[in-house]
């Protein structure tokens, strides 16, 4: 049996580097998701987030809410609010993750997928 050759149009391949338009669109998406998430938060979550550096990233095709905590107390409070934050995020993007980063040299980041919420229900 003779093998068949397939020819692809160059448009069928993924670009090697994202274009400036791709970068701008990704930034706009991240900003919009951030605003939508923050607007959905209650006052307690907004106050907690205001003590941290937080942002949404869509690198590597996975939407991630990254929360960088300034101290261990804030880190613990953020971890205690993972379920409510995960529920909000899951309403926006079902395949998202939350990464909580403690202060540098004081531990390793904790990461949870929002589709794993049932495992953490007891923390709510």
N, C-alpha and C. Protein backbone atom coordinates (compact mmCIF):
# COMPACT_ATOMS: atom_id res chain seq x y z
N UNK A 1 0.84 -1.17 0.00
CA UNK A 1 0.00 0.00 0.00
C UNK A 1 0.89 1.24 0.00
N UNK A 2 0.61 2.09 -0.87
CA UNK A 2 1.42 3.28 -1.03
C UNK A 2 0.94 4.38 -0.08
N UNK A 3 1.88 5.04 0.64
CA UNK A 3 1.53 6.11 1.57
C UNK A 3 1.03 7.34 0.83
N UNK A 4 0.11 8.02 1.44
CA UNK A 4 -0.41 9.23 0.83
C UNK A 4 0.30 10.44 1.41
N UNK A 5 0.47 11.42 0.59
CA UNK A 5 1.08 12.67 1.04
C UNK A 5 -0.03 13.70 1.25
N UNK A 6 0.10 14.44 2.34
CA UNK A 6 -0.86 15.49 2.64
C UNK A 6 -0.14 16.82 2.61
N UNK A 7 -0.75 17.78 2.02
CA UNK A 7 -0.16 19.10 1.92
C UNK A 7 -1.05 20.09 2.67
N UNK A 8 -0.42 20.88 3.48
CA UNK A 8 -1.16 21.86 4.27
C UNK A 8 -0.86 23.26 3.76
N UNK A 9 -1.85 24.07 3.82
CA UNK A 9 -1.68 25.48 3.53
C UNK A 9 -0.91 26.09 4.71
N UNK A 10 -0.08 27.06 4.47
CA UNK A 10 0.71 27.66 5.55
C UNK A 10 -0.19 28.29 6.61
N UNK A 11 -1.43 28.62 6.28
CA UNK A 11 -2.37 29.18 7.25
C UNK A 11 -2.83 28.13 8.27
N UNK A 12 -2.61 26.84 7.98
CA UNK A 12 -3.03 25.78 8.89
C UNK A 12 -2.11 25.61 10.09
N UNK A 13 -0.94 26.17 10.04
CA UNK A 13 0.03 26.03 11.11
C UNK A 13 -0.13 27.14 12.14
N UNK A 14 0.19 26.83 13.40
CA UNK A 14 0.17 27.86 14.43
C UNK A 14 1.35 28.80 14.20
N UNK A 15 1.17 30.09 14.44
CA UNK A 15 2.30 31.01 14.27
C UNK A 15 3.37 30.72 15.32
N UNK A 16 4.61 30.93 14.95
CA UNK A 16 5.72 30.65 15.86
C UNK A 16 5.73 31.66 17.01
N UNK A 17 5.51 32.92 16.70
CA UNK A 17 5.49 33.99 17.70
C UNK A 17 4.13 34.68 17.63
N UNK A 18 3.57 35.02 18.79
CA UNK A 18 2.30 35.76 18.73
C UNK A 18 2.52 37.15 18.12
N UNK A 19 1.57 37.57 17.36
CA UNK A 19 1.65 38.91 16.77
C UNK A 19 1.32 39.96 17.83
N UNK A 20 1.59 41.21 17.53
CA UNK A 20 1.27 42.27 18.49
C UNK A 20 -0.25 42.32 18.72
N UNK A 21 -1.03 42.02 17.71
CA UNK A 21 -2.49 41.98 17.87
C UNK A 21 -2.88 40.86 18.84
N UNK A 22 -2.22 39.69 18.73
CA UNK A 22 -2.49 38.58 19.65
C UNK A 22 -2.19 38.98 21.09
N UNK A 23 -1.08 39.66 21.28
CA UNK A 23 -0.67 40.08 22.62
C UNK A 23 -1.68 41.07 23.20
N UNK A 24 -2.09 42.02 22.39
CA UNK A 24 -3.07 43.02 22.85
C UNK A 24 -4.40 42.35 23.18
N UNK A 25 -4.86 41.45 22.34
CA UNK A 25 -6.11 40.75 22.59
C UNK A 25 -6.04 39.92 23.87
N UNK A 26 -4.90 39.25 24.10
CA UNK A 26 -4.73 38.47 25.33
C UNK A 26 -4.77 39.37 26.55
N UNK A 27 -4.10 40.53 26.49
CA UNK A 27 -4.12 41.47 27.60
C UNK A 27 -5.53 41.99 27.87
N UNK A 28 -6.28 42.28 26.82
CA UNK A 28 -7.66 42.73 26.99
C UNK A 28 -8.53 41.65 27.62
N UNK A 29 -8.32 40.41 27.21
CA UNK A 29 -9.06 39.29 27.78
C UNK A 29 -8.75 39.16 29.27
N UNK A 30 -7.47 39.21 29.61
CA UNK A 30 -7.06 39.09 31.01
C UNK A 30 -7.64 40.23 31.85
N UNK A 31 -7.62 41.44 31.32
CA UNK A 31 -8.18 42.59 32.02
C UNK A 31 -9.69 42.42 32.23
N UNK A 32 -10.39 42.00 31.19
CA UNK A 32 -11.84 41.83 31.28
C UNK A 32 -12.21 40.75 32.30
N UNK A 33 -11.51 39.64 32.28
CA UNK A 33 -11.78 38.57 33.24
C UNK A 33 -11.49 39.07 34.66
N UNK A 34 -10.40 39.82 34.83
CA UNK A 34 -10.07 40.38 36.15
C UNK A 34 -11.18 41.28 36.66
N UNK A 35 -11.66 42.17 35.82
CA UNK A 35 -12.72 43.11 36.23
C UNK A 35 -14.00 42.36 36.55
N UNK A 36 -14.36 41.39 35.71
CA UNK A 36 -15.59 40.63 35.92
C UNK A 36 -15.50 39.86 37.24
N UNK A 37 -14.34 39.25 37.49
CA UNK A 37 -14.14 38.51 38.74
C UNK A 37 -14.22 39.44 39.94
N UNK A 38 -13.49 40.55 39.89
CA UNK A 38 -13.46 41.49 41.02
C UNK A 38 -14.85 42.07 41.29
N UNK A 39 -15.56 42.43 40.25
CA UNK A 39 -16.91 42.99 40.41
C UNK A 39 -17.87 41.98 41.04
N UNK A 40 -17.64 40.70 40.84
CA UNK A 40 -18.50 39.66 41.40
C UNK A 40 -18.16 39.36 42.87
N UNK A 41 -17.00 39.81 43.33
CA UNK A 41 -16.57 39.54 44.71
C UNK A 41 -17.38 40.36 45.70
N UNK A 42 -17.60 39.80 46.89
CA UNK A 42 -18.24 40.57 47.95
C UNK A 42 -17.19 41.46 48.62
N UNK A 43 -17.62 42.26 49.57
CA UNK A 43 -16.73 43.22 50.21
C UNK A 43 -15.56 42.53 50.92
N UNK A 44 -15.82 41.39 51.55
CA UNK A 44 -14.76 40.67 52.25
C UNK A 44 -13.66 40.23 51.30
N UNK A 45 -14.05 39.65 50.16
CA UNK A 45 -13.05 39.20 49.19
C UNK A 45 -12.31 40.39 48.58
N UNK A 46 -13.03 41.48 48.30
CA UNK A 46 -12.37 42.66 47.74
C UNK A 46 -11.35 43.22 48.72
N UNK A 47 -11.69 43.28 50.01
CA UNK A 47 -10.74 43.76 51.02
C UNK A 47 -9.52 42.85 51.10
N UNK A 48 -9.75 41.56 51.05
CA UNK A 48 -8.65 40.60 51.10
C UNK A 48 -7.74 40.76 49.88
N UNK A 49 -8.33 40.87 48.70
CA UNK A 49 -7.54 41.03 47.47
C UNK A 49 -6.78 42.36 47.46
N UNK A 50 -7.34 43.37 48.11
CA UNK A 50 -6.66 44.67 48.12
C UNK A 50 -5.35 44.64 48.91
N UNK A 51 -5.19 43.62 49.75
CA UNK A 51 -3.94 43.46 50.51
C UNK A 51 -2.89 42.67 49.74
N UNK A 52 -3.25 42.18 48.57
CA UNK A 52 -2.36 41.31 47.79
C UNK A 52 -2.10 41.91 46.41
N UNK A 53 -1.09 41.35 45.76
CA UNK A 53 -0.92 41.61 44.32
C UNK A 53 -1.62 40.45 43.63
N UNK A 54 -2.57 40.75 42.78
CA UNK A 54 -3.27 39.67 42.09
C UNK A 54 -3.52 40.06 40.64
N UNK A 55 -3.61 39.04 39.80
CA UNK A 55 -3.82 39.25 38.37
C UNK A 55 -4.28 37.96 37.73
N UNK A 56 -4.79 38.08 36.53
CA UNK A 56 -5.22 36.93 35.74
C UNK A 56 -4.25 36.78 34.59
N UNK A 57 -3.84 35.56 34.34
CA UNK A 57 -2.97 35.29 33.20
C UNK A 57 -3.55 34.14 32.38
N UNK A 58 -3.35 34.20 31.09
CA UNK A 58 -3.84 33.14 30.20
C UNK A 58 -2.67 32.47 29.48
N UNK A 59 -1.51 32.51 30.09
CA UNK A 59 -0.34 31.88 29.48
C UNK A 59 -0.54 30.38 29.37
N UNK A 60 0.03 29.78 28.37
CA UNK A 60 0.00 28.33 28.14
C UNK A 60 -1.43 27.78 28.07
N UNK A 61 -2.34 28.58 27.51
CA UNK A 61 -3.72 28.15 27.28
C UNK A 61 -4.49 27.78 28.55
N UNK A 62 -4.02 28.22 29.71
CA UNK A 62 -4.73 27.96 30.95
C UNK A 62 -4.95 29.28 31.67
N UNK A 63 -6.20 29.61 31.95
CA UNK A 63 -6.51 30.84 32.66
C UNK A 63 -6.22 30.61 34.14
N UNK A 64 -5.39 31.48 34.71
CA UNK A 64 -5.00 31.34 36.11
C UNK A 64 -5.15 32.67 36.83
N UNK A 65 -5.81 32.61 37.99
CA UNK A 65 -5.87 33.74 38.90
C UNK A 65 -4.69 33.57 39.85
N UNK A 66 -3.74 34.50 39.80
CA UNK A 66 -2.55 34.44 40.64
C UNK A 66 -2.72 35.47 41.76
N UNK A 67 -2.55 35.02 43.00
CA UNK A 67 -2.65 35.90 44.15
C UNK A 67 -1.34 35.81 44.92
N UNK A 68 -0.61 36.92 44.98
CA UNK A 68 0.67 36.98 45.68
C UNK A 68 0.44 37.66 47.03
N UNK A 69 0.65 36.93 48.09
CA UNK A 69 0.37 37.41 49.43
C UNK A 69 1.60 38.08 50.06
N UNK A 70 1.40 39.20 50.77
CA UNK A 70 2.53 39.93 51.36
C UNK A 70 3.07 39.29 52.64
N UNK A 71 2.23 38.48 53.32
CA UNK A 71 2.67 37.86 54.58
C UNK A 71 1.90 36.55 54.79
N UNK A 72 2.33 35.79 55.80
CA UNK A 72 1.73 34.47 56.05
C UNK A 72 0.29 34.58 56.53
N UNK A 73 -0.03 35.62 57.30
CA UNK A 73 -1.40 35.78 57.79
C UNK A 73 -2.36 36.00 56.62
N UNK A 74 -1.99 36.88 55.71
CA UNK A 74 -2.82 37.13 54.53
C UNK A 74 -2.90 35.87 53.67
N UNK A 75 -1.78 35.16 53.54
CA UNK A 75 -1.75 33.91 52.77
C UNK A 75 -2.77 32.93 53.35
N UNK A 76 -2.81 32.79 54.66
CA UNK A 76 -3.75 31.87 55.30
C UNK A 76 -5.19 32.30 55.05
N UNK A 77 -5.45 33.61 55.15
CA UNK A 77 -6.81 34.12 54.91
C UNK A 77 -7.26 33.88 53.47
N UNK A 78 -6.33 34.06 52.54
CA UNK A 78 -6.66 33.80 51.13
C UNK A 78 -6.96 32.31 50.94
N UNK A 79 -6.16 31.44 51.52
CA UNK A 79 -6.39 30.01 51.39
C UNK A 79 -7.75 29.61 51.97
N UNK A 80 -8.17 30.29 53.03
CA UNK A 80 -9.48 29.99 53.63
C UNK A 80 -10.64 30.43 52.73
N UNK A 81 -10.38 31.32 51.79
CA UNK A 81 -11.42 31.83 50.89
C UNK A 81 -11.33 31.24 49.48
N UNK A 82 -10.58 30.15 49.33
CA UNK A 82 -10.44 29.55 48.00
C UNK A 82 -11.75 29.07 47.41
N UNK A 83 -12.60 28.47 48.23
CA UNK A 83 -13.86 27.94 47.68
C UNK A 83 -14.75 29.05 47.15
N UNK A 84 -15.00 30.14 47.92
CA UNK A 84 -15.82 31.21 47.34
C UNK A 84 -15.19 31.84 46.09
N UNK A 85 -13.87 32.03 46.10
CA UNK A 85 -13.22 32.59 44.91
C UNK A 85 -13.31 31.62 43.74
N UNK A 86 -13.13 30.34 44.03
CA UNK A 86 -13.23 29.32 42.99
C UNK A 86 -14.61 29.25 42.37
N UNK A 87 -15.65 29.40 43.20
CA UNK A 87 -17.02 29.40 42.68
C UNK A 87 -17.24 30.56 41.72
N UNK A 88 -16.77 31.75 42.12
CA UNK A 88 -16.91 32.92 41.24
C UNK A 88 -16.16 32.72 39.93
N UNK A 89 -14.94 32.24 40.03
CA UNK A 89 -14.12 32.04 38.84
C UNK A 89 -14.72 30.97 37.93
N UNK A 90 -15.28 29.93 38.54
CA UNK A 90 -15.87 28.84 37.78
C UNK A 90 -17.08 29.32 36.98
N UNK A 91 -17.75 30.36 37.44
CA UNK A 91 -18.87 30.93 36.69
C UNK A 91 -18.40 31.67 35.44
N UNK A 92 -17.14 32.10 35.47
CA UNK A 92 -16.57 32.84 34.33
C UNK A 92 -15.89 31.89 33.37
N UNK A 93 -15.00 31.04 33.90
CA UNK A 93 -14.21 30.11 33.08
C UNK A 93 -14.12 28.78 33.82
N UNK A 94 -14.68 27.74 33.26
CA UNK A 94 -14.75 26.45 33.96
C UNK A 94 -13.41 25.71 34.02
N UNK A 95 -12.45 26.12 33.21
CA UNK A 95 -11.16 25.41 33.21
C UNK A 95 -10.05 26.24 33.85
N UNK A 96 -10.42 27.15 34.73
CA UNK A 96 -9.44 28.04 35.35
C UNK A 96 -8.75 27.39 36.55
N UNK A 97 -7.67 28.06 36.99
CA UNK A 97 -6.93 27.65 38.18
C UNK A 97 -6.74 28.88 39.06
N UNK A 98 -6.51 28.62 40.35
CA UNK A 98 -6.13 29.67 41.28
C UNK A 98 -4.78 29.27 41.86
N UNK A 99 -3.83 30.20 41.82
CA UNK A 99 -2.50 29.96 42.40
C UNK A 99 -2.30 31.00 43.50
N UNK A 100 -2.09 30.51 44.74
CA UNK A 100 -1.85 31.40 45.88
C UNK A 100 -0.38 31.30 46.24
N UNK A 101 0.30 32.44 46.17
CA UNK A 101 1.75 32.49 46.39
C UNK A 101 2.03 33.14 47.75
N UNK A 102 2.69 32.41 48.65
CA UNK A 102 3.09 33.02 49.92
C UNK A 102 4.26 33.98 49.68
N UNK A 103 4.66 34.73 50.72
CA UNK A 103 5.84 35.59 50.55
C UNK A 103 7.05 34.75 50.10
N UNK A 104 7.94 35.38 49.36
CA UNK A 104 9.13 34.67 48.88
C UNK A 104 9.86 34.02 50.04
N UNK A 105 10.40 32.87 49.83
CA UNK A 105 11.18 32.06 50.78
C UNK A 105 10.38 31.65 52.01
N UNK A 106 9.05 31.75 51.96
CA UNK A 106 8.23 31.32 53.09
C UNK A 106 7.24 30.23 52.70
N UNK A 107 7.57 29.46 51.70
CA UNK A 107 6.70 28.38 51.29
C UNK A 107 6.60 28.30 49.78
N UNK A 108 5.82 27.33 49.34
CA UNK A 108 5.62 27.13 47.91
C UNK A 108 4.19 27.51 47.54
N UNK A 109 3.96 27.94 46.32
CA UNK A 109 2.60 28.30 45.91
C UNK A 109 1.66 27.10 45.97
N UNK A 110 0.42 27.39 46.29
CA UNK A 110 -0.64 26.38 46.28
C UNK A 110 -1.50 26.64 45.06
N UNK A 111 -1.80 25.59 44.31
CA UNK A 111 -2.58 25.74 43.09
C UNK A 111 -3.76 24.79 43.11
N UNK A 112 -4.91 25.31 42.69
CA UNK A 112 -6.13 24.53 42.66
C UNK A 112 -6.89 24.82 41.37
N UNK A 113 -7.40 23.78 40.74
CA UNK A 113 -8.26 23.96 39.57
C UNK A 113 -9.69 24.20 40.07
N UNK A 114 -10.43 25.08 39.41
CA UNK A 114 -11.78 25.36 39.87
C UNK A 114 -12.72 24.18 39.66
N UNK A 115 -12.36 23.26 38.81
CA UNK A 115 -13.20 22.06 38.66
C UNK A 115 -12.94 21.04 39.77
N UNK A 116 -12.04 21.36 40.71
CA UNK A 116 -11.76 20.51 41.87
C UNK A 116 -12.46 21.01 43.13
N UNK A 117 -13.38 21.95 43.00
CA UNK A 117 -13.99 22.59 44.16
C UNK A 117 -14.62 21.60 45.13
N UNK A 118 -15.18 20.52 44.65
CA UNK A 118 -15.86 19.57 45.55
C UNK A 118 -14.91 19.00 46.59
N UNK A 119 -13.63 18.91 46.27
CA UNK A 119 -12.64 18.39 47.21
C UNK A 119 -12.45 19.35 48.38
N UNK A 120 -12.65 20.64 48.13
CA UNK A 120 -12.37 21.67 49.14
C UNK A 120 -13.63 22.24 49.79
N UNK A 121 -14.79 21.65 49.57
CA UNK A 121 -16.05 22.18 50.10
C UNK A 121 -16.01 22.35 51.62
N UNK A 122 -15.33 21.47 52.33
CA UNK A 122 -15.28 21.54 53.79
C UNK A 122 -14.55 22.78 54.27
N UNK A 123 -13.75 23.39 53.40
CA UNK A 123 -12.99 24.59 53.78
C UNK A 123 -13.89 25.83 53.77
N UNK A 124 -15.05 25.74 53.12
CA UNK A 124 -15.92 26.92 52.98
C UNK A 124 -16.54 27.33 54.30
